[in-house]
């Protein structure tokens, strides 16, 4: 321990508490807010893990430290953390720093309550319902239900659980072994958020995850055919590939049952993907197909999950067409709009989500494009039958007494599987109060404008090759260094091009100049994905991005 005076207990000393917090807030404003959002400062200060451990002095000791040391700890934590509010941070689907949302987060942490009963969170129970009502109205629903969840993955998994419970409401009492294997359909583009997780034994236990475009029977392997109690079965799925063009064509022809069986068995029915969205062959999905599907695989279809704003390419599935199929066959329609949901605020661009009002449930993450701050993830339902509580409720008597002195319908804790639940509504509510619908709409529209500016500037420069023309604020491209230009016909071109993004990513991070994500996608090699979401961005930041890539890659 350093030879400075140890920090005495602050308990019972309000003056000392105030002095400490004012000093900490000063550090936050100086380091995280002012410097952390300034283009004259680094996005990050990269250190290798062992060096960083030494700089932070992470060991926890038996004696406390002085206030001066504690403040230095705070400065160090901020200094060596990535500044996600920085205008040059393009790495994730969240970025930027809204001061009103930050104020809400500070108040939330200061009050330190849980959002499960009205008696301990009266303000936030009423506030959450009002925010959810506003979000539902933007979807197009005049009534419904909802809850804030710890992330879009949980929102999606809750939707799966609700769809299963609605179809088999006695599963809570009779157990999962009484259910047939279930099949859900979703695009390969959803990433990790809708893949059944074997660790979540209760939520999505007997689901058979499927690729929405293929509807190909993923039969269980012989060694894994049985469903474990409360667990996920393991299945094999056929891959779905083949890029094509734009419009999704839903089942315009009606093959016979034998034709369906033959096509599926022989693997000759393959959907296509264009711009990351689903492109369906001209085949009509009749009820006979579902009968055939059940006979062939033993799995019962119960849910379709469409995506509005895919993680990598920013694609939007055609919700009207998908809703038609779901309505025809009695399937629950869930829309994963975690990324793209905020587009509903824009009168100019909300057409990308046409048909979302026909969904049974919607996942929407305002902490992404609206910059409400992590985490802020809503699950919205059109249901008015209290399905959330009926599905997830355990009626714990120590929390949810039915003889309380107020309306117990205000207690929301039984809507979720977890018990304690953080307050996630205040930051969004306070930001919305400050900005209004119009201010938030301007943010969305400006992001689209800057994304288009970036694309047009790329087209003027040598060495930038678009993966596709974006329809959202995800701009995906390859940077082709001087040594590879004009060599597209070389047999090793794509292999060499795929190695460029990782090298440039290392250089930009170690210099701290900016952060851009990269990834492979299907058969495509590594390419950059710039997310244009920070409301502080300008055209100058777009120009810097292009110039910096040219500088970092000039010797490649």
Protein backbone atom coordinates (compact mmCIF):
# COMPACT_ATOMS: atom_id res chain seq x y z
CA UNK A 1 0.00 0.00 0.00
CA UNK A 2 1.16 3.53 -0.76
CA UNK A 3 2.30 5.69 2.16
CA UNK A 4 -0.75 7.96 2.12
CA UNK A 5 -3.44 8.32 4.72
CA UNK A 6 -6.16 5.69 4.47
CA UNK A 7 -9.64 6.90 3.63
CA UNK A 8 -11.84 6.88 6.74
CA UNK A 9 -15.39 5.61 6.62
CA UNK A 10 -17.79 8.17 5.11
CA UNK A 11 -20.78 6.76 6.97
CA UNK A 12 -22.50 9.49 8.97
CA UNK A 13 -20.43 12.27 7.40
CA UNK A 14 -22.59 13.92 4.72
CA UNK A 15 -19.99 16.63 4.10
CA UNK A 16 -17.33 14.05 3.26
CA UNK A 17 -19.77 12.11 1.08
CA UNK A 18 -20.66 15.25 -0.86
CA UNK A 19 -17.01 16.20 -1.28
CA UNK A 20 -16.13 12.78 -2.63
CA UNK A 21 -19.02 12.63 -5.08
CA UNK A 22 -18.44 16.15 -6.35
CA UNK A 23 -14.82 15.27 -6.96
CA UNK A 24 -15.77 12.05 -8.76
CA UNK A 25 -18.36 13.86 -10.87
CA UNK A 26 -15.68 16.37 -11.77
CA UNK A 27 -13.45 13.56 -13.00
CA UNK A 28 -16.33 12.08 -15.01
CA UNK A 29 -17.17 15.39 -16.66
CA UNK A 30 -13.54 16.15 -17.45
CA UNK A 31 -12.32 12.74 -18.58
CA UNK A 32 -15.35 10.80 -19.83
CA UNK A 33 -17.55 13.57 -21.19
CA UNK A 34 -15.37 16.45 -22.34
CA UNK A 35 -12.27 14.51 -23.39
CA UNK A 36 -14.19 11.34 -24.21
CA UNK A 37 -16.28 13.08 -26.86
CA UNK A 38 -13.57 15.35 -28.31
CA UNK A 39 -12.06 14.59 -31.73
CA UNK A 40 -8.79 16.02 -30.44
CA UNK A 41 -8.53 13.07 -28.03
CA UNK A 42 -8.03 9.37 -28.65
CA UNK A 43 -10.91 6.93 -28.93
CA UNK A 44 -8.91 4.49 -26.85
CA UNK A 45 -5.47 4.12 -25.32
CA UNK A 46 -4.55 0.55 -26.09
CA UNK A 47 -2.51 -1.47 -23.62
CA UNK A 48 -1.71 -5.17 -23.63
CA UNK A 49 -3.46 -7.09 -20.82
CA UNK A 50 -0.48 -7.58 -18.52
CA UNK A 51 0.59 -3.96 -18.78
CA UNK A 52 -2.99 -2.81 -18.19
CA UNK A 53 -3.27 -4.93 -15.06
CA UNK A 54 -0.21 -3.23 -13.65
CA UNK A 55 -1.40 0.26 -14.56
CA UNK A 56 -4.77 -0.28 -12.92
CA UNK A 57 -3.39 -2.05 -9.81
CA UNK A 58 -6.41 -4.36 -9.70
CA UNK A 59 -5.51 -6.24 -6.50
CA UNK A 60 -7.98 -5.86 -3.64
CA UNK A 61 -6.23 -5.43 -0.28
CA UNK A 62 -7.16 -5.53 3.36
CA UNK A 63 -6.70 -1.78 3.94
CA UNK A 64 -8.50 1.05 2.21
CA UNK A 65 -6.92 3.90 0.24
CA UNK A 66 -7.03 7.66 0.47
CA UNK A 67 -9.51 9.82 -1.40
CA UNK A 68 -6.71 11.10 -3.60
CA UNK A 69 -5.86 7.55 -4.62
CA UNK A 70 -9.52 6.72 -5.23
CA UNK A 71 -9.84 9.69 -7.58
CA UNK A 72 -6.74 8.54 -9.44
CA UNK A 73 -8.31 5.11 -9.75
CA UNK A 74 -11.36 6.75 -11.32
CA UNK A 75 -9.20 8.68 -13.77
CA UNK A 76 -7.28 5.56 -14.74
CA UNK A 77 -10.45 3.55 -15.32
CA UNK A 78 -11.75 6.21 -17.69
CA UNK A 79 -8.40 6.83 -19.35
CA UNK A 80 -7.87 3.20 -20.39
CA UNK A 81 -11.49 2.50 -21.33
CA UNK A 82 -12.85 2.80 -24.86
CA UNK A 83 -14.71 6.09 -25.35
CA UNK A 84 -17.94 4.90 -26.96
CA UNK A 85 -19.27 8.47 -27.02
CA UNK A 86 -16.40 9.59 -29.24
CA UNK A 87 -17.37 10.71 -32.79
CA UNK A 88 -14.74 8.37 -34.23
CA UNK A 89 -16.18 5.28 -32.51
CA UNK A 90 -17.98 3.35 -35.28
CA UNK A 91 -17.44 -0.10 -33.84
CA UNK A 92 -20.81 -1.09 -32.38
CA UNK A 93 -24.52 -0.52 -32.90
CA UNK A 94 -24.44 1.89 -29.94
CA UNK A 95 -22.42 5.09 -29.79
CA UNK A 96 -22.68 8.70 -28.75
CA UNK A 97 -23.53 10.33 -25.45
CA UNK A 98 -26.84 12.05 -24.80
CA UNK A 99 -26.58 14.38 -21.77
CA UNK A 100 -30.23 13.98 -20.75
CA UNK A 101 -30.06 10.20 -20.94
CA UNK A 102 -26.85 10.32 -18.90
CA UNK A 103 -28.60 12.45 -16.30
CA UNK A 104 -31.32 9.81 -16.09
CA UNK A 105 -28.73 7.08 -15.64
CA UNK A 106 -27.09 9.01 -12.80
CA UNK A 107 -30.43 9.45 -11.04
CA UNK A 108 -31.29 5.79 -11.56
CA UNK A 109 -28.04 4.65 -9.98
CA UNK A 110 -28.39 7.11 -7.13
CA UNK A 111 -31.86 5.88 -6.19
CA UNK A 112 -30.81 2.23 -6.49
CA UNK A 113 -34.23 0.62 -6.58
CA UNK A 114 -35.70 -2.41 -8.29
CA UNK A 115 -38.55 -2.27 -10.75
CA UNK A 116 -40.65 -5.16 -9.46
CA UNK A 117 -43.29 -3.55 -7.22
CA UNK A 118 -45.11 -0.25 -7.06
CA UNK A 119 -44.36 0.09 -3.36
CA UNK A 120 -40.60 0.48 -3.87
CA UNK A 121 -40.61 2.03 -7.37
CA UNK A 122 -43.86 4.00 -7.73
CA UNK A 123 -42.42 6.66 -10.05
CA UNK A 124 -40.71 4.17 -12.32
CA UNK A 125 -43.60 1.71 -12.55
CA UNK A 126 -45.82 4.49 -13.91
CA UNK A 127 -43.01 5.91 -16.05
CA UNK A 128 -42.18 2.53 -17.58
CA UNK A 129 -45.78 1.98 -18.62
CA UNK A 130 -45.96 5.41 -20.24
CA UNK A 131 -42.73 4.86 -22.18
CA UNK A 132 -43.90 1.42 -23.29
CA UNK A 133 -47.25 2.92 -24.34
CA UNK A 134 -45.39 5.45 -26.49
CA UNK A 135 -43.26 2.75 -28.11
CA UNK A 136 -46.34 0.61 -28.78
CA UNK A 137 -48.08 3.57 -30.38
CA UNK A 138 -45.14 4.01 -32.77
CA UNK A 139 -45.44 0.35 -33.70
CA UNK A 140 -49.11 0.99 -34.44
CA UNK A 141 -50.87 -0.54 -31.44
CA UNK A 142 -53.46 1.31 -29.37
CA UNK A 143 -53.15 -1.19 -26.52
CA UNK A 144 -50.93 -4.01 -25.40
CA UNK A 145 -48.28 -4.89 -22.86
CA UNK A 146 -44.52 -4.90 -22.52
CA UNK A 147 -41.50 -4.87 -20.29
CA UNK A 148 -37.94 -3.58 -20.29
CA UNK A 149 -35.47 -6.47 -20.52
CA UNK A 150 -31.72 -6.84 -19.94
CA UNK A 151 -30.85 -6.77 -23.64
CA UNK A 152 -32.33 -7.69 -27.00
CA UNK A 153 -31.39 -11.37 -26.64
CA UNK A 154 -33.58 -11.67 -23.55
CA UNK A 155 -36.41 -9.80 -25.31
CA UNK A 156 -36.25 -12.32 -28.16
CA UNK A 157 -36.11 -15.28 -25.82
CA UNK A 158 -39.08 -14.00 -23.86
CA UNK A 159 -40.99 -13.76 -27.14
CA UNK A 160 -40.15 -17.41 -27.85
CA UNK A 161 -41.33 -18.40 -24.39
CA UNK A 162 -44.56 -16.44 -24.73
CA UNK A 163 -45.32 -17.98 -28.12
CA UNK A 164 -44.79 -21.46 -26.72
CA UNK A 165 -46.93 -20.76 -23.66
CA UNK A 166 -49.74 -19.34 -25.76
CA UNK A 167 -49.78 -22.49 -27.88
CA UNK A 168 -49.36 -24.88 -24.93
CA UNK A 169 -50.56 -23.03 -21.79
CA UNK A 170 -50.50 -26.18 -19.66
CA UNK A 171 -46.73 -26.63 -20.11
CA UNK A 172 -46.06 -24.91 -16.77
CA UNK A 173 -48.11 -27.46 -14.87
CA UNK A 174 -47.55 -30.60 -16.94
CA UNK A 175 -43.90 -30.10 -17.83
CA UNK A 176 -41.98 -29.97 -21.07
CA UNK A 177 -41.98 -33.69 -21.75
CA UNK A 178 -45.66 -33.42 -22.59
CA UNK A 179 -44.85 -31.13 -25.53
CA UNK A 180 -43.86 -32.19 -29.02
CA UNK A 181 -40.57 -30.89 -30.43
CA UNK A 182 -41.15 -27.31 -31.53
CA UNK A 183 -39.75 -25.44 -34.51
CA UNK A 184 -39.16 -21.72 -34.84
CA UNK A 185 -38.15 -20.04 -38.07
CA UNK A 186 -35.68 -17.21 -38.31
CA UNK A 187 -33.10 -15.80 -40.68
CA UNK A 188 -29.43 -16.72 -40.52
CA UNK A 189 -28.87 -12.96 -40.36
CA UNK A 190 -30.04 -12.66 -36.74
CA UNK A 191 -26.62 -13.49 -35.33
CA UNK A 192 -26.67 -14.77 -31.74
CA UNK A 193 -29.85 -13.13 -30.54
CA UNK A 194 -32.30 -15.82 -31.65
CA UNK A 195 -30.25 -18.99 -31.55
CA UNK A 196 -31.56 -21.34 -28.83
CA UNK A 197 -29.11 -21.33 -25.96
CA UNK A 198 -28.69 -24.71 -24.29
CA UNK A 199 -27.87 -22.89 -21.05
CA UNK A 200 -31.34 -21.38 -20.87
CA UNK A 201 -33.03 -24.56 -19.81
CA UNK A 202 -36.38 -23.09 -18.88
CA UNK A 203 -36.97 -20.38 -21.43
CA UNK A 204 -36.64 -22.15 -24.75
CA UNK A 205 -36.19 -25.72 -23.74
CA UNK A 206 -37.75 -27.82 -26.47
CA UNK A 207 -37.27 -25.41 -29.37
CA UNK A 208 -35.82 -26.61 -32.64
CA UNK A 209 -34.16 -23.60 -34.20
CA UNK A 210 -34.61 -23.29 -37.91
CA UNK A 211 -33.53 -21.00 -40.69
CA UNK A 212 -36.61 -19.10 -41.75
CA UNK A 213 -35.81 -19.08 -45.47
CA UNK A 214 -35.20 -22.77 -45.80
CA UNK A 215 -37.96 -24.41 -43.79
CA UNK A 216 -35.79 -27.49 -44.23
CA UNK A 217 -36.29 -30.32 -41.73
CA UNK A 218 -33.34 -30.41 -39.34
CA UNK A 219 -33.80 -33.93 -38.10
CA UNK A 220 -32.24 -34.84 -34.75
CA UNK A 221 -29.14 -36.97 -34.87
CA UNK A 222 -29.63 -40.53 -33.70
CA UNK A 223 -27.58 -39.92 -30.59
CA UNK A 224 -29.41 -36.73 -29.64
CA UNK A 225 -32.98 -37.40 -30.61
CA UNK A 226 -34.56 -37.21 -27.16
CA UNK A 227 -35.40 -33.97 -25.43
CA UNK A 228 -33.79 -33.63 -22.00
CA UNK A 229 -36.08 -32.44 -19.19
CA UNK A 230 -36.14 -28.68 -19.34
CA UNK A 231 -33.29 -28.58 -21.84
CA UNK A 232 -32.62 -27.88 -25.51
CA UNK A 233 -32.32 -30.76 -27.88
CA UNK A 234 -29.38 -30.70 -30.27
CA UNK A 235 -30.21 -30.71 -33.96
CA UNK A 236 -28.44 -30.38 -37.27
CA UNK A 237 -29.57 -27.71 -39.72
CA UNK A 238 -28.92 -27.50 -43.41
CA UNK A 239 -27.11 -24.39 -44.52
CA UNK A 240 -28.98 -21.77 -46.55
CA UNK A 241 -26.92 -19.84 -49.06
CA UNK A 242 -27.06 -18.40 -52.60
CA UNK A 243 -27.20 -14.63 -52.99
CA UNK A 244 -29.77 -13.13 -55.31
CA UNK A 245 -31.70 -9.94 -55.97
CA UNK A 246 -34.13 -7.85 -54.09
CA UNK A 247 -37.79 -8.64 -53.57
CA UNK A 248 -38.94 -11.46 -51.38
CA UNK A 249 -41.43 -13.59 -53.25
CA UNK A 250 -43.60 -15.64 -50.93
CA UNK A 251 -44.89 -18.98 -52.13
CA UNK A 252 -46.79 -18.11 -55.32
CA UNK A 253 -47.16 -21.73 -56.34
CA UNK A 254 -48.63 -24.62 -54.41
CA UNK A 255 -46.66 -27.85 -54.73
CA UNK A 256 -48.23 -31.06 -53.58
CA UNK A 257 -47.28 -32.72 -50.34
CA UNK A 258 -45.15 -35.24 -52.21
CA UNK A 259 -43.33 -32.41 -54.01
CA UNK A 260 -42.55 -30.71 -50.69
CA UNK A 261 -41.24 -33.94 -49.24
CA UNK A 262 -39.07 -34.62 -52.27
CA UNK A 263 -37.66 -31.08 -52.44
CA UNK A 264 -36.79 -31.08 -48.75
CA UNK A 265 -35.28 -34.57 -48.72
CA UNK A 266 -33.15 -33.88 -51.78
CA UNK A 267 -32.11 -30.44 -50.54
CA UNK A 268 -33.20 -28.84 -53.81
CA UNK A 269 -35.37 -26.14 -52.31
CA UNK A 270 -33.04 -23.34 -51.35
CA UNK A 271 -33.95 -19.75 -50.50
CA UNK A 272 -31.73 -16.90 -51.42
CA UNK A 273 -30.38 -13.90 -49.58
CA UNK A 274 -30.03 -10.43 -51.05
CA UNK A 275 -28.68 -7.52 -48.99
CA UNK A 276 -28.96 -9.69 -45.92
CA UNK A 277 -32.71 -10.06 -46.23
CA UNK A 278 -34.64 -13.16 -47.11
CA UNK A 279 -35.54 -13.91 -50.71
CA UNK A 280 -38.10 -16.69 -51.03
CA UNK A 281 -38.72 -18.86 -54.07
CA UNK A 282 -42.07 -18.57 -55.80
CA UNK A 283 -43.74 -21.33 -53.80
CA UNK A 284 -46.94 -21.03 -51.85
CA UNK A 285 -46.63 -22.26 -48.27
CA UNK A 286 -49.89 -24.11 -47.71
CA UNK A 287 -51.16 -25.82 -44.63
CA UNK A 288 -50.27 -29.08 -46.36
CA UNK A 289 -46.62 -28.07 -46.05
CA UNK A 290 -46.86 -27.73 -42.29
CA UNK A 291 -48.54 -31.11 -42.12
CA UNK A 292 -45.70 -32.54 -44.19
CA UNK A 293 -43.13 -30.75 -42.08
CA UNK A 294 -44.57 -32.24 -38.92
CA UNK A 295 -44.69 -35.72 -40.42
CA UNK A 296 -41.13 -35.52 -41.76
CA UNK A 297 -39.43 -33.98 -38.74
CA UNK A 298 -41.80 -34.51 -35.86
CA UNK A 299 -41.52 -30.79 -35.01
CA UNK A 300 -44.42 -28.38 -34.68
CA UNK A 301 -43.91 -24.87 -36.13
CA UNK A 302 -45.03 -22.22 -33.66
CA UNK A 303 -43.09 -18.97 -34.26
CA UNK A 304 -41.51 -16.89 -37.02
CA UNK A 305 -38.98 -14.24 -36.09
CA UNK A 306 -38.42 -11.52 -38.69
CA UNK A 307 -35.65 -8.96 -38.46
CA UNK A 308 -35.86 -5.20 -38.92
CA UNK A 309 -32.26 -4.05 -39.14
CA UNK A 310 -29.83 -6.96 -39.26
CA UNK A 311 -26.63 -6.59 -37.27
CA UNK A 312 -24.11 -6.61 -40.10
CA UNK A 313 -25.83 -5.46 -43.29
CA UNK A 314 -28.69 -3.47 -41.76
CA UNK A 315 -31.35 -5.28 -43.79
CA UNK A 316 -35.11 -5.25 -43.21
CA UNK A 317 -37.29 -8.28 -43.79
CA UNK A 318 -40.62 -7.72 -45.62
CA UNK A 319 -42.99 -7.81 -42.68
CA UNK A 320 -46.27 -7.63 -44.58
CA UNK A 321 -45.47 -10.76 -46.58
CA UNK A 322 -44.22 -12.63 -43.53
CA UNK A 323 -47.31 -11.56 -41.55
CA UNK A 324 -49.55 -12.95 -44.29
CA UNK A 325 -47.94 -16.38 -43.90
CA UNK A 326 -48.11 -16.27 -40.09
CA UNK A 327 -51.76 -15.25 -40.16
CA UNK A 328 -52.59 -17.98 -42.64
CA UNK A 329 -51.04 -20.69 -40.48
CA UNK A 330 -51.61 -19.41 -36.96
CA UNK A 331 -47.95 -18.73 -36.18
CA UNK A 332 -46.72 -16.17 -33.68
CA UNK A 333 -44.88 -13.35 -35.48
CA UNK A 334 -42.03 -11.77 -33.58
CA UNK A 335 -40.06 -8.86 -35.03
CA UNK A 336 -36.50 -8.38 -33.84
CA UNK A 337 -36.27 -4.61 -34.31
CA UNK A 338 -33.58 -4.19 -31.68
CA UNK A 339 -31.45 -2.26 -34.16
CA UNK A 340 -33.97 -0.88 -36.65
CA UNK A 341 -36.94 -0.12 -34.38
CA UNK A 342 -35.97 3.51 -33.85
CA UNK A 343 -36.55 4.14 -37.57
CA UNK A 344 -40.26 4.20 -36.65
CA UNK A 345 -39.67 7.75 -35.41
CA UNK A 346 -38.81 8.94 -38.93
CA UNK A 347 -41.67 9.77 -41.25
CA UNK A 348 -39.19 9.58 -44.11
CA UNK A 349 -37.83 6.11 -43.43
CA UNK A 350 -40.41 4.24 -41.33
CA UNK A 351 -41.66 2.50 -44.48
CA UNK A 352 -38.77 0.07 -43.94
CA UNK A 353 -40.87 -1.45 -41.15
CA UNK A 354 -44.21 -1.51 -42.97
CA UNK A 355 -46.30 -4.31 -41.51
CA UNK A 356 -44.74 -4.26 -38.04
CA UNK A 357 -48.16 -3.45 -36.57
CA UNK A 358 -49.22 -6.99 -37.51
CA UNK A 359 -46.61 -8.58 -35.24
CA UNK A 360 -47.48 -10.30 -31.97
CA UNK A 361 -44.29 -9.05 -30.32
CA UNK A 362 -41.47 -6.61 -31.06
CA UNK A 363 -37.98 -6.24 -29.57
CA UNK A 364 -36.64 -2.67 -29.67
CA UNK A 365 -33.37 -1.36 -28.19
CA UNK A 366 -33.41 2.44 -27.72
CA UNK A 367 -29.87 2.22 -26.36
CA UNK A 368 -28.70 1.70 -29.93
CA UNK A 369 -29.75 4.24 -32.54
CA UNK A 370 -31.41 6.58 -30.00
CA UNK A 371 -28.31 6.54 -27.74
CA UNK A 372 -30.35 6.16 -24.55
CA UNK A 373 -27.40 4.42 -22.91
CA UNK A 374 -26.80 0.80 -22.05
CA UNK A 375 -28.98 -0.87 -21.39
CA UNK A 376 -32.41 0.07 -22.66
CA UNK A 377 -34.22 -2.83 -24.33
CA UNK A 378 -37.99 -3.13 -24.62
CA UNK A 379 -40.16 -6.12 -25.42
CA UNK A 380 -43.52 -4.93 -26.75
CA UNK A 381 -46.64 -7.08 -27.03
CA UNK A 382 -49.94 -6.61 -28.78
CA UNK A 383 -51.46 -8.98 -26.21
CA UNK A 384 -53.94 -7.57 -23.67
CA UNK A 385 -54.65 -10.81 -21.80
CA UNK A 386 -51.82 -10.48 -19.27
CA UNK A 387 -49.83 -13.15 -21.11
CA UNK A 388 -46.51 -12.00 -19.64
CA UNK A 389 -47.66 -12.60 -16.07
CA UNK A 390 -49.47 -15.83 -16.87
CA UNK A 391 -46.41 -17.21 -18.61
CA UNK A 392 -43.64 -16.04 -16.30
CA UNK A 393 -45.34 -15.40 -12.97
CA UNK A 394 -44.42 -17.41 -9.89
CA UNK A 395 -46.52 -15.36 -7.43
CA UNK A 396 -43.86 -15.18 -4.73
CA UNK A 397 -45.80 -14.32 -1.59
CA UNK A 398 -42.97 -12.31 -0.03
CA UNK A 399 -43.17 -9.78 -2.89
CA UNK A 400 -46.55 -10.04 -4.58
CA UNK A 401 -49.04 -10.17 -1.74
CA UNK A 402 -52.57 -9.96 -3.12
CA UNK A 403 -53.98 -8.01 -0.14
CA UNK A 404 -51.82 -4.88 -0.54
CA UNK A 405 -53.30 -1.45 0.07
CA UNK A 406 -52.94 -0.47 -3.61
CA UNK A 407 -53.85 -2.02 -6.95
CA UNK A 408 -51.55 -5.06 -7.19
CA UNK A 409 -51.84 -4.99 -10.98
CA UNK A 410 -49.17 -2.26 -10.75
CA UNK A 411 -46.59 -4.81 -9.58
CA UNK A 412 -44.68 -5.83 -12.70
CA UNK A 413 -42.18 -8.28 -11.21
CA UNK A 414 -44.15 -11.36 -12.22
CA UNK A 415 -43.94 -10.41 -15.89
CA UNK A 416 -40.34 -11.60 -16.04
CA UNK A 417 -38.32 -14.64 -15.07
CA UNK A 418 -35.80 -12.65 -13.04
CA UNK A 419 -36.69 -11.09 -9.70
CA UNK A 420 -34.74 -7.87 -9.25
CA UNK A 421 -34.91 -5.64 -12.33
CA UNK A 422 -33.02 -2.41 -12.89
CA UNK A 423 -34.77 0.81 -13.89
CA UNK A 424 -34.18 1.33 -17.61
CA UNK A 425 -37.01 3.71 -18.45
CA UNK A 426 -35.83 6.97 -16.83
CA UNK A 427 -32.94 7.70 -19.21
CA UNK A 428 -35.18 7.21 -22.25
CA UNK A 429 -38.06 9.18 -20.71
CA UNK A 430 -35.83 12.13 -19.75
CA UNK A 431 -34.17 12.22 -23.18
CA UNK A 432 -37.58 12.06 -24.88
CA UNK A 433 -38.88 14.88 -22.68
CA UNK A 434 -35.92 17.02 -23.74
CA UNK A 435 -35.91 16.12 -27.44
CA UNK A 436 -39.55 15.38 -28.19
CA UNK A 437 -40.62 13.27 -31.15
CA UNK A 438 -39.30 15.90 -33.55
CA UNK A 439 -35.82 16.05 -32.04
CA UNK A 440 -35.46 12.27 -32.10
CA UNK A 441 -36.75 12.15 -35.66
CA UNK A 442 -34.08 14.65 -36.73
CA UNK A 443 -31.42 12.39 -35.23
CA UNK A 444 -32.62 9.40 -37.22
CA UNK A 445 -32.88 11.35 -40.46
CA UNK A 446 -29.43 12.89 -39.98
CA UNK A 447 -27.90 9.43 -39.52
CA UNK A 448 -29.35 8.37 -42.87
CA UNK A 449 -28.04 11.55 -44.51
CA UNK A 450 -24.52 11.01 -43.20
CA UNK A 451 -24.52 7.34 -44.19
CA UNK A 452 -25.45 8.36 -47.73
CA UNK A 453 -22.75 11.06 -47.71
CA UNK A 454 -20.17 8.45 -46.68
CA UNK A 455 -21.26 6.11 -49.47
CA UNK A 456 -21.09 8.82 -52.14
CA UNK A 457 -17.65 9.93 -50.97
CA UNK A 458 -16.41 6.35 -51.13
CA UNK A 459 -17.50 6.13 -54.74
CA UNK A 460 -15.28 9.10 -55.58
CA UNK A 461 -12.14 7.46 -54.19
CA UNK A 462 -9.98 4.65 -55.43
CA UNK A 463 -9.65 1.70 -53.09
CA UNK A 464 -13.14 1.57 -51.56
CA UNK A 465 -15.48 -1.19 -52.68
CA UNK A 466 -19.02 -1.39 -51.27
CA UNK A 467 -20.34 -4.76 -50.19
CA UNK A 468 -23.80 -3.47 -51.16
CA UNK A 469 -25.78 -0.26 -51.40
CA UNK A 470 -27.00 0.28 -47.83
CA UNK A 471 -30.65 0.84 -47.01
CA UNK A 472 -29.89 1.70 -43.37
CA UNK A 473 -26.95 3.30 -41.54
CA UNK A 474 -24.70 0.22 -41.76
CA UNK A 475 -22.10 0.98 -44.43
CA UNK A 476 -20.22 -2.19 -45.37
CA UNK A 477 -17.15 -2.07 -47.60
CA UNK A 478 -13.70 -3.36 -48.38
CA UNK A 479 -10.65 -1.14 -48.36
CA UNK A 480 -8.52 -2.32 -51.27
CA UNK A 481 -4.89 -1.30 -50.61
CA UNK A 482 -2.61 -0.12 -53.44
CA UNK A 483 -0.97 -3.53 -53.88
CA UNK A 484 -4.30 -5.22 -54.68
CA UNK A 485 -5.91 -2.63 -56.94
CA UNK A 486 -6.59 -3.91 -60.42
CA UNK A 487 -5.82 -7.49 -59.41
CA UNK A 488 -9.34 -8.77 -58.87
CA UNK A 489 -8.69 -11.66 -61.27
CA UNK A 490 -5.72 -12.97 -59.29
CA UNK A 491 -6.46 -16.40 -57.74
CA UNK A 492 -5.42 -15.26 -54.26
CA UNK A 493 -7.11 -11.82 -54.45
CA UNK A 494 -9.95 -12.53 -52.05
CA UNK A 495 -7.72 -14.33 -49.59
CA UNK A 496 -5.31 -11.38 -49.50
CA UNK A 497 -8.12 -8.83 -49.35
CA UNK A 498 -9.62 -10.62 -46.34
CA UNK A 499 -6.39 -10.00 -44.41
CA UNK A 500 -6.50 -6.22 -44.90
CA UNK A 501 -9.26 -5.34 -42.41
CA UNK A 502 -7.62 -7.07 -39.39
CA UNK A 503 -4.33 -5.27 -40.05
CA UNK A 504 -6.00 -1.87 -40.38
CA UNK A 505 -8.10 -2.53 -37.28
CA UNK A 506 -4.96 -3.22 -35.24
CA UNK A 507 -3.29 -0.06 -36.51
CA UNK A 508 -6.24 2.25 -35.82
CA UNK A 509 -6.84 0.84 -32.34
CA UNK A 510 -3.19 1.03 -31.30
CA UNK A 511 -3.02 4.62 -32.54
CA UNK A 512 -6.38 5.39 -30.94
CA UNK A 513 -7.53 7.34 -33.98
CA UNK A 514 -10.83 5.52 -34.53
CA UNK A 515 -12.57 2.15 -34.17
CA UNK A 516 -14.42 0.32 -36.95
CA UNK A 517 -15.73 -3.23 -36.77
CA UNK A 518 -15.02 -5.88 -39.38
CA UNK A 519 -16.27 -9.40 -40.05
CA UNK A 520 -16.62 -12.07 -42.71
CA UNK A 521 -20.13 -12.74 -43.99
CA UNK A 522 -21.09 -15.98 -45.65
CA UNK A 523 -18.66 -16.52 -48.49
CA UNK A 524 -17.41 -12.94 -48.32
CA UNK A 525 -14.05 -12.30 -46.72
CA UNK A 526 -13.47 -9.74 -43.96
CA UNK A 527 -14.95 -6.31 -44.65
CA UNK A 528 -15.52 -3.18 -42.59
CA UNK A 529 -18.89 -2.20 -41.17
CA UNK A 530 -19.20 1.48 -40.26
CA UNK A 531 -22.21 2.25 -38.07
CA UNK A 532 -23.32 5.85 -38.56
CA UNK A 533 -25.31 6.37 -35.36
CA UNK A 534 -23.65 9.02 -33.18
CA UNK A 535 -25.79 12.19 -33.22
CA UNK A 536 -22.61 14.30 -32.89
CA UNK A 537 -21.23 13.10 -36.24
CA UNK A 538 -20.61 15.53 -39.09
CA UNK A 539 -19.45 15.26 -42.70
CA UNK A 540 -15.96 16.09 -41.44
CA UNK A 541 -15.97 12.88 -39.41
CA UNK A 542 -16.91 10.90 -42.51
CA UNK A 543 -14.06 12.52 -44.43
CA UNK A 544 -11.65 11.76 -41.59
CA UNK A 545 -12.66 8.10 -41.64
CA UNK A 546 -11.84 7.76 -45.33
CA UNK A 547 -8.62 9.73 -45.07
CA UNK A 548 -7.47 7.73 -42.06
CA UNK A 549 -8.05 4.40 -43.78
CA UNK A 550 -6.05 5.62 -46.76
CA UNK A 551 -3.24 6.75 -44.47
CA UNK A 552 -3.18 3.54 -42.42
CA UNK A 553 -3.32 1.33 -45.49
CA UNK A 554 -1.04 3.15 -47.91
CA UNK A 555 1.83 0.68 -47.45
CA UNK A 556 -0.26 -2.49 -47.74
